[in-house]
Amino acid sequence: MITKEEVINLITKKLPSSQVFVENLKGNDHLQVTVIANEFNGLSLVKQHQLVYSALKEELASEAIHALALKTETPN
């Protein structure tokens, strides 16, 4: 099981400028995550998502996170 705070910490470690919002959809392993980060400037949506997935690589592999609904964007 992974906590919201752990998810936020893992993502902000990889993307220091990010704002991260985590919502449990079902249990603690089905998550909806929104990440807003300067690091996404100029990157395709696929590249943005790959950055977030890389921050959560171990948690996804171990199925601590079973399902991830991900939204990424740059700051306004």
PDB file of N, CA and C in Angstrom:
ATOM      1  N   MET A   1       0.847  -1.182   0.000  1.00  0.00           N
ATOM      2  CA  MET A   1       0.000   0.000   0.000  1.00  0.00           C
ATOM      3  C   MET A   1       0.893   1.246   0.000  1.00  0.00           C
ATOM      4  N   ILE A   2       0.472   2.239  -0.720  1.00  0.00           N
ATOM      5  CA  ILE A   2       1.224   3.486  -0.804  1.00  0.00           C
ATOM      6  C   ILE A   2       0.311   4.638  -0.394  1.00  0.00           C
ATOM      7  N   THR A   3       0.879   5.613   0.298  1.00  0.00           N
ATOM      8  CA  THR A   3       0.081   6.755   0.743  1.00  0.00           C
ATOM      9  C   THR A   3       0.141   7.884  -0.282  1.00  0.00           C
ATOM     10  N   LYS A   4      -0.814   8.783  -0.178  1.00  0.00           N
ATOM     11  CA  LYS A   4      -0.820   9.971  -1.046  1.00  0.00           C
ATOM     12  C   LYS A   4       0.470  10.752  -0.885  1.00  0.00           C
ATOM     13  N   GLU A   5       0.927  10.893   0.347  1.00  0.00           N
ATOM     14  CA  GLU A   5       2.140  11.652   0.631  1.00  0.00           C
ATOM     15  C   GLU A   5       3.362  11.013  -0.018  1.00  0.00           C
ATOM     16  N   GLU A   6       3.423   9.690  -0.023  1.00  0.00           N
ATOM     17  CA  GLU A   6       4.546   8.997  -0.667  1.00  0.00           C
ATOM     18  C   GLU A   6       4.548   9.247  -2.176  1.00  0.00           C
ATOM     19  N   VAL A   7       3.373   9.216  -2.786  1.00  0.00           N
ATOM     20  CA  VAL A   7       3.271   9.484  -4.227  1.00  0.00           C
ATOM     21  C   VAL A   7       3.729  10.911  -4.515  1.00  0.00           C
ATOM     22  N   ILE A   8       3.257  11.851  -3.727  1.00  0.00           N
ATOM     23  CA  ILE A   8       3.644  13.258  -3.911  1.00  0.00           C
ATOM     24  C   ILE A   8       5.156  13.413  -3.763  1.00  0.00           C
ATOM     25  N   ASN A   9       5.730  12.801  -2.750  1.00  0.00           N
ATOM     26  CA  ASN A   9       7.183  12.906  -2.511  1.00  0.00           C
ATOM     27  C   ASN A   9       7.995  12.307  -3.649  1.00  0.00           C
ATOM     28  N   LEU A  10       7.579  11.165  -4.164  1.00  0.00           N
ATOM     29  CA  LEU A  10       8.303  10.528  -5.266  1.00  0.00           C
ATOM     30  C   LEU A  10       8.286  11.390  -6.521  1.00  0.00           C
ATOM     31  N   ILE A  11       7.127  11.975  -6.817  1.00  0.00           N
ATOM     32  CA  ILE A  11       7.012  12.799  -8.020  1.00  0.00           C
ATOM     33  C   ILE A  11       7.777  14.111  -7.855  1.00  0.00           C
ATOM     34  N   THR A  12       7.660  14.748  -6.696  1.00  0.00           N
ATOM     35  CA  THR A  12       8.363  16.026  -6.508  1.00  0.00           C
ATOM     36  C   THR A  12       9.880  15.836  -6.420  1.00  0.00           C
ATOM     37  N   LYS A  13      10.319  14.654  -6.034  1.00  0.00           N
ATOM     38  CA  LYS A  13      11.761  14.366  -6.057  1.00  0.00           C
ATOM     39  C   LYS A  13      12.270  14.365  -7.497  1.00  0.00           C
ATOM     40  N   LYS A  14      11.486  13.805  -8.415  1.00  0.00           N
ATOM     41  CA  LYS A  14      11.852  13.736  -9.836  1.00  0.00           C
ATOM     42  C   LYS A  14      11.596  15.070 -10.539  1.00  0.00           C
ATOM     43  N   LEU A  15      10.526  15.759 -10.154  1.00  0.00           N
ATOM     44  CA  LEU A  15      10.113  17.020 -10.784  1.00  0.00           C
ATOM     45  C   LEU A  15       9.979  18.086  -9.694  1.00  0.00           C
ATOM     46  N   PRO A  16      11.088  18.692  -9.289  1.00  0.00           N
ATOM     47  CA  PRO A  16      11.095  19.597  -8.136  1.00  0.00           C
ATOM     48  C   PRO A  16      10.118  20.780  -8.204  1.00  0.00           C
ATOM     49  N   SER A  17       9.797  21.249  -9.401  1.00  0.00           N
ATOM     50  CA  SER A  17       8.905  22.414  -9.493  1.00  0.00           C
ATOM     51  C   SER A  17       7.426  22.027  -9.452  1.00  0.00           C
ATOM     52  N   SER A  18       7.141  20.737  -9.350  1.00  0.00           N
ATOM     53  CA  SER A  18       5.771  20.269  -9.558  1.00  0.00           C
ATOM     54  C   SER A  18       4.831  20.513  -8.391  1.00  0.00           C
ATOM     55  N   GLN A  19       3.571  20.660  -8.768  1.00  0.00           N
ATOM     56  CA  GLN A  19       2.451  20.612  -7.837  1.00  0.00           C
ATOM     57  C   GLN A  19       1.768  19.295  -8.149  1.00  0.00           C
ATOM     58  N   VAL A  20       1.504  18.499  -7.119  1.00  0.00           N
ATOM     59  CA  VAL A  20       0.954  17.161  -7.320  1.00  0.00           C
ATOM     60  C   VAL A  20      -0.319  17.011  -6.494  1.00  0.00           C
ATOM     61  N   PHE A  21      -1.359  16.515  -7.149  1.00  0.00           N
ATOM     62  CA  PHE A  21      -2.634  16.279  -6.495  1.00  0.00           C
ATOM     63  C   PHE A  21      -2.986  14.808  -6.688  1.00  0.00           C
ATOM     64  N   VAL A  22      -3.289  14.112  -5.580  1.00  0.00           N
ATOM     65  CA  VAL A  22      -3.551  12.675  -5.628  1.00  0.00           C
ATOM     66  C   VAL A  22      -4.925  12.403  -5.027  1.00  0.00           C
ATOM     67  N   GLU A  23      -5.690  11.589  -5.745  1.00  0.00           N
ATOM     68  CA  GLU A  23      -7.016  11.180  -5.267  1.00  0.00           C
ATOM     69  C   GLU A  23      -7.104   9.664  -5.344  1.00  0.00           C
ATOM     70  N   ASN A  24      -7.580   9.043  -4.267  1.00  0.00           N
ATOM     71  CA  ASN A  24      -7.807   7.598  -4.279  1.00  0.00           C
ATOM     72  C   ASN A  24      -9.125   7.332  -4.988  1.00  0.00           C
ATOM     73  N   LEU A  25      -9.086   6.498  -6.013  1.00  0.00           N
ATOM     74  CA  LEU A  25     -10.302   6.149  -6.739  1.00  0.00           C
ATOM     75  C   LEU A  25     -10.940   4.882  -6.173  1.00  0.00           C
ATOM     76  N   LYS A  26     -10.094   3.944  -5.734  1.00  0.00           N
ATOM     77  CA  LYS A  26     -10.585   2.682  -5.189  1.00  0.00           C
ATOM     78  C   LYS A  26      -9.466   2.107  -4.337  1.00  0.00           C
ATOM     79  N   GLY A  27      -9.716   1.983  -3.058  1.00  0.00           N
ATOM     80  CA  GLY A  27      -8.652   1.512  -2.181  1.00  0.00           C
ATOM     81  C   GLY A  27      -7.508   2.506  -2.209  1.00  0.00           C
ATOM     82  N   ASN A  28      -6.305   2.041  -1.967  1.00  0.00           N
ATOM     83  CA  ASN A  28      -5.138   2.919  -2.039  1.00  0.00           C
ATOM     84  C   ASN A  28      -4.249   2.580  -3.215  1.00  0.00           C
ATOM     85  N   ASP A  29      -4.720   1.691  -4.107  1.00  0.00           N
ATOM     86  CA  ASP A  29      -3.868   1.308  -5.234  1.00  0.00           C
ATOM     87  C   ASP A  29      -4.421   1.738  -6.589  1.00  0.00           C
ATOM     88  N   HIS A  30      -5.584   2.370  -6.621  1.00  0.00           N
ATOM     89  CA  HIS A  30      -6.155   2.951  -7.836  1.00  0.00           C
ATOM     90  C   HIS A  30      -6.170   4.466  -7.631  1.00  0.00           C
ATOM     91  N   LEU A  31      -5.308   5.159  -8.329  1.00  0.00           N
ATOM     92  CA  LEU A  31      -5.102   6.581  -8.062  1.00  0.00           C
ATOM     93  C   LEU A  31      -5.372   7.444  -9.285  1.00  0.00           C
ATOM     94  N   GLN A  32      -5.850   8.642  -9.014  1.00  0.00           N
ATOM     95  CA  GLN A  32      -5.910   9.693 -10.027  1.00  0.00           C
ATOM     96  C   GLN A  32      -4.906  10.746  -9.595  1.00  0.00           C
ATOM     97  N   VAL A  33      -3.951  11.041 -10.466  1.00  0.00           N
ATOM     98  CA  VAL A  33      -2.870  11.969 -10.139  1.00  0.00           C
ATOM     99  C   VAL A  33      -2.826  13.078 -11.175  1.00  0.00           C
ATOM    100  N   THR A  34      -2.771  14.308 -10.696  1.00  0.00           N
ATOM    101  CA  THR A  34      -2.583  15.475 -11.548  1.00  0.00           C
ATOM    102  C   THR A  34      -1.244  16.093 -11.184  1.00  0.00           C
ATOM    103  N   VAL A  35      -0.419  16.332 -12.198  1.00  0.00           N
ATOM    104  CA  VAL A  35       0.903  16.919 -11.978  1.00  0.00           C
ATOM    105  C   VAL A  35       1.028  18.163 -12.851  1.00  0.00           C
ATOM    106  N   ILE A  36       1.355  19.276 -12.219  1.00  0.00           N
ATOM    107  CA  ILE A  36       1.600  20.535 -12.917  1.00  0.00           C
ATOM    108  C   ILE A  36       3.071  20.873 -12.689  1.00  0.00           C
ATOM    109  N   ALA A  37       3.836  20.976 -13.787  1.00  0.00           N
ATOM    110  CA  ALA A  37       5.281  21.168 -13.616  1.00  0.00           C
ATOM    111  C   ALA A  37       5.888  21.981 -14.748  1.00  0.00           C
ATOM    112  N   ASN A  38       6.828  22.841 -14.379  1.00  0.00           N
ATOM    113  CA  ASN A  38       7.601  23.599 -15.380  1.00  0.00           C
ATOM    114  C   ASN A  38       8.416  22.667 -16.275  1.00  0.00           C
ATOM    115  N   GLU A  39       8.837  21.533 -15.725  1.00  0.00           N
ATOM    116  CA  GLU A  39       9.653  20.587 -16.487  1.00  0.00           C
ATOM    117  C   GLU A  39       8.925  20.054 -17.723  1.00  0.00           C
ATOM    118  N   PHE A  40       7.615  20.201 -17.782  1.00  0.00           N
ATOM    119  CA  PHE A  40       6.828  19.715 -18.918  1.00  0.00           C
ATOM    120  C   PHE A  40       6.844  20.682 -20.106  1.00  0.00           C
ATOM    121  N   ASN A  41       7.335  21.899 -19.905  1.00  0.00           N
ATOM    122  CA  ASN A  41       7.361  22.880 -21.002  1.00  0.00           C
ATOM    123  C   ASN A  41       8.076  22.312 -22.212  1.00  0.00           C
ATOM    124  N   GLY A  42       7.420  22.364 -23.371  1.00  0.00           N
ATOM    125  CA  GLY A  42       8.007  21.920 -24.620  1.00  0.00           C
ATOM    126  C   GLY A  42       7.985  20.421 -24.844  1.00  0.00           C
ATOM    127  N   LEU A  43       7.455  19.660 -23.892  1.00  0.00           N
ATOM    128  CA  LEU A  43       7.405  18.205 -24.032  1.00  0.00           C
ATOM    129  C   LEU A  43       6.032  17.754 -24.513  1.00  0.00           C
ATOM    130  N   SER A  44       6.018  16.677 -25.282  1.00  0.00           N
ATOM    131  CA  SER A  44       4.743  16.086 -25.691  1.00  0.00           C
ATOM    132  C   SER A  44       4.066  15.475 -24.468  1.00  0.00           C
ATOM    133  N   LEU A  45       2.775  15.206 -24.606  1.00  0.00           N
ATOM    134  CA  LEU A  45       2.025  14.585 -23.527  1.00  0.00           C
ATOM    135  C   LEU A  45       2.627  13.229 -23.159  1.00  0.00           C
ATOM    136  N   VAL A  46       3.054  12.478 -24.152  1.00  0.00           N
ATOM    137  CA  VAL A  46       3.678  11.169 -23.901  1.00  0.00           C
ATOM    138  C   VAL A  46       4.946  11.335 -23.064  1.00  0.00           C
ATOM    139  N   LYS A  47       5.800  12.284 -23.423  1.00  0.00           N
ATOM    140  CA  LYS A  47       7.039  12.530 -22.672  1.00  0.00           C
ATOM    141  C   LYS A  47       6.736  12.989 -21.243  1.00  0.00           C
ATOM    142  N   GLN A  48       5.708  13.818 -21.087  1.00  0.00           N
ATOM    143  CA  GLN A  48       5.302  14.266 -19.749  1.00  0.00           C
ATOM    144  C   GLN A  48       4.913  13.064 -18.893  1.00  0.00           C
ATOM    145  N   HIS A  49       4.095  12.190 -19.458  1.00  0.00           N
ATOM    146  CA  HIS A  49       3.643  11.012 -18.716  1.00  0.00           C
ATOM    147  C   HIS A  49       4.806  10.078 -18.409  1.00  0.00           C
ATOM    148  N   GLN A  50       5.736   9.945 -19.356  1.00  0.00           N
ATOM    149  CA  GLN A  50       6.895   9.089 -19.116  1.00  0.00           C
ATOM    150  C   GLN A  50       7.727   9.575 -17.935  1.00  0.00           C
ATOM    151  N   LEU A  51       7.841  10.890 -17.772  1.00  0.00           N
ATOM    152  CA  LEU A  51       8.568  11.437 -16.619  1.00  0.00           C
ATOM    153  C   LEU A  51       7.905  11.033 -15.310  1.00  0.00           C
ATOM    154  N   VAL A  52       6.586  11.124 -15.271  1.00  0.00           N
ATOM    155  CA  VAL A  52       5.860  10.766 -14.043  1.00  0.00           C
ATOM    156  C   VAL A  52       5.963   9.259 -13.805  1.00  0.00           C
ATOM    157  N   TYR A  53       5.773   8.463 -14.858  1.00  0.00           N
ATOM    158  CA  TYR A  53       5.891   7.010 -14.705  1.00  0.00           C
ATOM    159  C   TYR A  53       7.273   6.628 -14.198  1.00  0.00           C
ATOM    160  N   SER A  54       8.310   7.315 -14.654  1.00  0.00           N
ATOM    161  CA  SER A  54       9.663   6.988 -14.198  1.00  0.00           C
ATOM    162  C   SER A  54       9.833   7.283 -12.712  1.00  0.00           C
ATOM    163  N   ALA A  55       9.129   8.287 -12.214  1.00  0.00           N
ATOM    164  CA  ALA A  55       9.197   8.601 -10.781  1.00  0.00           C
ATOM    165  C   ALA A  55       8.501   7.535  -9.945  1.00  0.00           C
ATOM    166  N   LEU A  56       7.535   6.841 -10.544  1.00  0.00           N
ATOM    167  CA  LEU A  56       6.741   5.840  -9.820  1.00  0.00           C
ATOM    168  C   LEU A  56       7.034   4.414 -10.292  1.00  0.00           C
ATOM    169  N   LYS A  57       8.171   4.238 -10.955  1.00  0.00           N
ATOM    170  CA  LYS A  57       8.526   2.973 -11.596  1.00  0.00           C
ATOM    171  C   LYS A  57       8.409   1.772 -10.656  1.00  0.00           C
ATOM    172  N   GLU A  58       9.041   1.847  -9.508  1.00  0.00           N
ATOM    173  CA  GLU A  58       9.034   0.719  -8.574  1.00  0.00           C
ATOM    174  C   GLU A  58       7.645   0.440  -8.027  1.00  0.00           C
ATOM    175  N   GLU A  59       6.899   1.489  -7.745  1.00  0.00           N
ATOM    176  CA  GLU A  59       5.557   1.338  -7.174  1.00  0.00           C
ATOM    177  C   GLU A  59       4.596   0.722  -8.191  1.00  0.00           C
ATOM    178  N   LEU A  60       4.777   1.061  -9.465  1.00  0.00           N
ATOM    179  CA  LEU A  60       3.960   0.465 -10.517  1.00  0.00           C
ATOM    180  C   LEU A  60       4.358  -0.999 -10.743  1.00  0.00           C
ATOM    181  N   ALA A  61       5.657  -1.287 -10.736  1.00  0.00           N
ATOM    182  CA  ALA A  61       6.147  -2.650 -10.961  1.00  0.00           C
ATOM    183  C   ALA A  61       5.708  -3.604  -9.854  1.00  0.00           C
ATOM    184  N   SER A  62       5.706  -3.121  -8.625  1.00  0.00           N
ATOM    185  CA  SER A  62       5.327  -3.957  -7.489  1.00  0.00           C
ATOM    186  C   SER A  62       3.817  -3.993  -7.275  1.00  0.00           C
ATOM    187  N   GLU A  63       3.095  -3.218  -8.063  1.00  0.00           N
ATOM    188  CA  GLU A  63       1.648  -3.058  -7.971  1.00  0.00           C
ATOM    189  C   GLU A  63       1.198  -2.426  -6.658  1.00  0.00           C
ATOM    190  N   ALA A  64       2.099  -1.679  -6.005  1.00  0.00           N
ATOM    191  CA  ALA A  64       1.665  -0.823  -4.902  1.00  0.00           C
ATOM    192  C   ALA A  64       0.673   0.191  -5.472  1.00  0.00           C
ATOM    193  N   ILE A  65       0.913   0.560  -6.742  1.00  0.00           N
ATOM    194  CA  ILE A  65      -0.060   1.331  -7.521  1.00  0.00           C
ATOM    195  C   ILE A  65      -0.519   0.390  -8.629  1.00  0.00           C
ATOM    196  N   HIS A  66      -1.779  -0.012  -8.558  1.00  0.00           N
ATOM    197  CA  HIS A  66      -2.312  -0.965  -9.531  1.00  0.00           C
ATOM    198  C   HIS A  66      -2.844  -0.263 -10.779  1.00  0.00           C
ATOM    199  N   ALA A  67      -3.481   0.892 -10.563  1.00  0.00           N
ATOM    200  CA  ALA A  67      -4.041   1.659 -11.685  1.00  0.00           C
ATOM    201  C   ALA A  67      -3.747   3.136 -11.457  1.00  0.00           C
ATOM    202  N   LEU A  68      -3.372   3.818 -12.542  1.00  0.00           N
ATOM    203  CA  LEU A  68      -3.011   5.222 -12.436  1.00  0.00           C
ATOM    204  C   LEU A  68      -3.685   6.012 -13.555  1.00  0.00           C
ATOM    205  N   ALA A  69      -4.582   6.898 -13.163  1.00  0.00           N
ATOM    206  CA  ALA A  69      -5.167   7.854 -14.103  1.00  0.00           C
ATOM    207  C   ALA A  69      -4.337   9.118 -13.964  1.00  0.00           C
ATOM    208  N   LEU A  70      -3.691   9.525 -15.048  1.00  0.00           N
ATOM    209  CA  LEU A  70      -2.701  10.591 -14.974  1.00  0.00           C
ATOM    210  C   LEU A  70      -3.083  11.773 -15.856  1.00  0.00           C
ATOM    211  N   LYS A  71      -2.969  12.963 -15.266  1.00  0.00           N
ATOM    212  CA  LYS A  71      -3.167  14.202 -16.023  1.00  0.00           C
ATOM    213  C   LYS A  71      -1.945  15.066 -15.763  1.00  0.00           C
ATOM    214  N   THR A  72      -1.343  15.570 -16.830  1.00  0.00           N
ATOM    215  CA  THR A  72      -0.175  16.443 -16.692  1.00  0.00           C
ATOM    216  C   THR A  72      -0.432  17.753 -17.424  1.00  0.00           C
ATOM    217  N   GLU A  73       0.159  18.815 -16.900  1.00  0.00           N
ATOM    218  CA  GLU A  73       0.043  20.115 -17.551  1.00  0.00           C
ATOM    219  C   GLU A  73       1.157  21.038 -17.083  1.00  0.00           C
ATOM    220  N   THR A  74       1.341  22.106 -17.848  1.00  0.00           N
ATOM    221  CA  THR A  74       2.313  23.121 -17.466  1.00  0.00           C
ATOM    222  C   THR A  74       1.583  24.218 -16.703  1.00  0.00           C
ATOM    223  N   PRO A  75       2.306  24.973 -15.865  1.00  0.00           N
ATOM    224  CA  PRO A  75       1.668  26.069 -15.140  1.00  0.00           C
ATOM    225  C   PRO A  75       1.173  27.143 -16.114  1.00  0.00           C
ATOM    226  N   ASN A  76       0.103  27.806 -15.729  1.00  0.00           N
ATOM    227  CA  ASN A  76      -0.442  28.894 -16.574  1.00  0.00           C
ATOM    228  C   ASN A  76       0.365  30.144 -16.463  1.00  0.00           C
TER     229      ASN A  76
END
